[in-house]
Amino acid sequence: MTAHVSGMLANTPAESCHALDADALVDNGASLWSARVDGELAGIGALAPFGDDAGELKSMRVAERFLGQGIGRAILRHIMAEARERGIRTLWLETGSGDDFAAARGLYASEGFVECPPFGSYRPDPLSTFMTREI
């Protein structure tokens, strides 16, 4: 989580960075999952409750040496399956709009997410892309 938050702050101005550390995720009722390859942490992702039947995808990150190996897709699909089991019908997410986030936006789009207006307490931000999908 520390690497995720540090990486986000390195690429995004603080006022546009919505990454939460582990304590803040837990305080918001989020569940956190990790993927490991040969015991090494390869990626993380979280699901935070958002209303009665919705959830927000948070803190998706794959360690640089594991990029392009399907780790992010596996975590995303696991989170979507968990969300379905919990009765969640809609997933929402915020990600960056810059080139550094193009692969993430491509992954989400390939899994059925579409761009949408800001949701919840988010406000319009040229550095953010908001996405949603029914599950």
Protein backbone atom coordinates (compact mmCIF):
# COMPACT_ATOMS: atom_id res chain seq x y z
CA MET A 1 0.00 0.00 0.00
CA THR A 2 2.84 2.38 0.78
CA ALA A 3 4.29 1.87 -2.71
CA HIS A 4 0.85 2.44 -4.24
CA VAL A 5 0.21 5.71 -2.40
CA SER A 6 3.79 6.92 -3.02
CA GLY A 7 3.51 6.07 -6.71
CA MET A 8 0.21 7.91 -7.01
CA LEU A 9 1.60 11.01 -5.32
CA ALA A 10 4.66 10.91 -7.60
CA ASN A 11 2.44 11.02 -10.70
CA THR A 12 -0.51 13.08 -9.49
CA PRO A 13 -0.79 16.42 -7.67
CA ALA A 14 -1.96 15.90 -4.08
CA GLU A 15 -5.27 17.69 -4.69
CA SER A 16 -6.08 15.22 -7.49
CA CYS A 17 -4.78 12.09 -5.74
CA HIS A 18 -7.55 9.92 -4.28
CA ALA A 19 -5.41 6.96 -3.18
CA LEU A 20 -6.01 5.80 0.39
CA ASP A 21 -3.53 4.10 2.66
CA ALA A 22 -4.40 0.77 4.30
CA ASP A 23 -5.75 2.38 7.48
CA ALA A 24 -8.04 4.71 5.53
CA LEU A 25 -9.30 1.80 3.40
CA VAL A 26 -10.15 -0.20 6.53
CA ASP A 27 -11.78 2.85 8.12
CA ASN A 28 -13.99 3.11 5.01
CA GLY A 29 -15.04 -0.55 5.31
CA ALA A 30 -12.98 -1.71 2.33
CA SER A 31 -11.77 -5.23 1.73
CA LEU A 32 -8.26 -5.61 0.34
CA TRP A 33 -6.89 -8.48 -1.75
CA SER A 34 -3.39 -9.28 -2.93
CA ALA A 35 -1.92 -11.48 -5.63
CA ARG A 36 1.38 -13.24 -5.10
CA VAL A 37 3.75 -14.96 -7.49
CA ASP A 38 6.11 -17.43 -5.82
CA GLY A 39 5.41 -15.72 -2.50
CA GLU A 40 6.22 -12.24 -3.80
CA LEU A 41 3.56 -9.54 -3.70
CA ALA A 42 2.57 -8.94 -7.32
CA GLY A 43 -0.51 -6.75 -7.00
CA ILE A 44 -3.30 -5.39 -4.84
CA GLY A 45 -6.88 -4.22 -5.18
CA ALA A 46 -9.66 -3.15 -2.85
CA LEU A 47 -13.43 -2.89 -2.79
CA ALA A 48 -15.13 -0.22 -0.68
CA PRO A 49 -18.87 -0.16 -0.02
CA PHE A 50 -20.68 2.63 -1.84
CA GLY A 51 -24.37 2.77 -1.00
CA ASP A 52 -26.66 -0.22 -0.53
CA ASP A 53 -25.87 -2.21 -3.67
CA ALA A 54 -22.77 -0.54 -5.10
CA GLY A 55 -19.05 -0.65 -4.52
CA GLU A 56 -16.01 1.37 -5.43
CA LEU A 57 -12.90 -0.26 -6.80
CA LYS A 58 -9.91 1.21 -4.95
CA SER A 59 -6.13 0.92 -4.91
CA MET A 60 -5.61 -1.32 -7.93
CA ARG A 61 -1.87 -1.65 -8.48
CA VAL A 62 0.49 -4.22 -9.96
CA ALA A 63 4.18 -4.22 -9.08
CA GLU A 64 6.24 -3.03 -12.03
CA ARG A 65 8.07 -6.32 -12.58
CA PHE A 66 4.71 -8.13 -12.93
CA LEU A 67 3.10 -5.73 -15.42
CA GLY A 68 1.69 -7.35 -18.55
CA GLN A 69 1.27 -10.77 -16.95
CA GLY A 70 -2.49 -10.63 -16.30
CA ILE A 71 -2.17 -9.90 -12.57
CA GLY A 72 -4.34 -6.78 -12.73
CA ARG A 73 -7.04 -8.58 -14.71
CA ALA A 74 -7.02 -11.49 -12.24
CA ILE A 75 -7.39 -9.13 -9.27
CA LEU A 76 -10.15 -7.17 -11.02
CA ARG A 77 -12.09 -10.33 -11.87
CA HIS A 78 -11.69 -11.61 -8.30
CA ILE A 79 -13.03 -8.33 -6.91
CA MET A 80 -15.98 -8.40 -9.33
CA ALA A 81 -16.81 -11.98 -8.28
CA GLU A 82 -16.61 -11.02 -4.59
CA ALA A 83 -18.81 -8.00 -5.25
CA ARG A 84 -21.47 -10.19 -6.91
CA GLU A 85 -21.42 -12.55 -3.92
CA ARG A 86 -22.02 -9.56 -1.63
CA GLY A 87 -25.05 -8.44 -3.63
CA ILE A 88 -23.31 -5.49 -5.23
CA ARG A 89 -24.88 -4.59 -8.57
CA THR A 90 -22.82 -1.61 -9.68
CA LEU A 91 -19.09 -0.92 -9.47
CA TRP A 92 -17.55 2.53 -9.73
CA LEU A 93 -13.94 3.67 -9.96
CA GLU A 94 -11.74 6.70 -10.35
CA THR A 95 -8.43 6.47 -12.18
CA GLY A 96 -6.03 8.89 -13.77
CA SER A 97 -6.66 10.47 -17.16
CA GLY A 98 -2.99 10.80 -18.16
CA ASP A 99 -0.81 8.55 -20.27
CA ASP A 100 0.54 6.78 -17.16
CA PHE A 101 -2.96 5.40 -16.58
CA ALA A 102 -3.77 4.37 -20.18
CA ALA A 103 -3.17 0.67 -19.48
CA ALA A 104 -5.45 0.79 -16.43
CA ARG A 105 -8.23 2.49 -18.40
CA GLY A 106 -7.79 -0.08 -21.16
CA LEU A 107 -8.08 -2.94 -18.67
CA TYR A 108 -11.24 -1.51 -17.13
CA ALA A 109 -12.81 -0.87 -20.56
CA SER A 110 -11.98 -4.42 -21.68
CA GLU A 111 -13.86 -5.70 -18.60
CA GLY A 112 -16.99 -3.69 -19.41
CA PHE A 113 -16.41 -0.43 -17.55
CA VAL A 114 -17.55 2.76 -19.31
CA GLU A 115 -16.72 6.37 -18.58
CA CYS A 116 -19.22 8.26 -16.45
CA PRO A 117 -19.53 11.58 -14.62
CA PRO A 118 -17.95 11.98 -11.17
CA PHE A 119 -19.78 10.02 -8.48
CA GLY A 120 -20.13 10.22 -4.71
CA SER A 121 -17.98 13.01 -3.26
CA TYR A 122 -15.73 13.25 -6.33
CA ARG A 123 -15.75 16.49 -8.29
CA PRO A 124 -14.82 17.06 -11.94
CA ASP A 125 -11.05 16.94 -12.32
CA PRO A 126 -9.12 17.00 -15.60
CA LEU A 127 -6.66 14.49 -14.10
CA SER A 128 -9.39 11.95 -13.28
CA THR A 129 -11.40 9.50 -15.34
CA PHE A 130 -14.51 8.03 -13.73
CA MET A 131 -15.89 4.67 -14.82
CA THR A 132 -18.73 2.34 -13.89
CA ARG A 133 -20.31 -0.98 -14.83
CA GLU A 134 -23.19 -3.18 -13.81
CA ILE A 135 -22.23 -6.65 -12.61
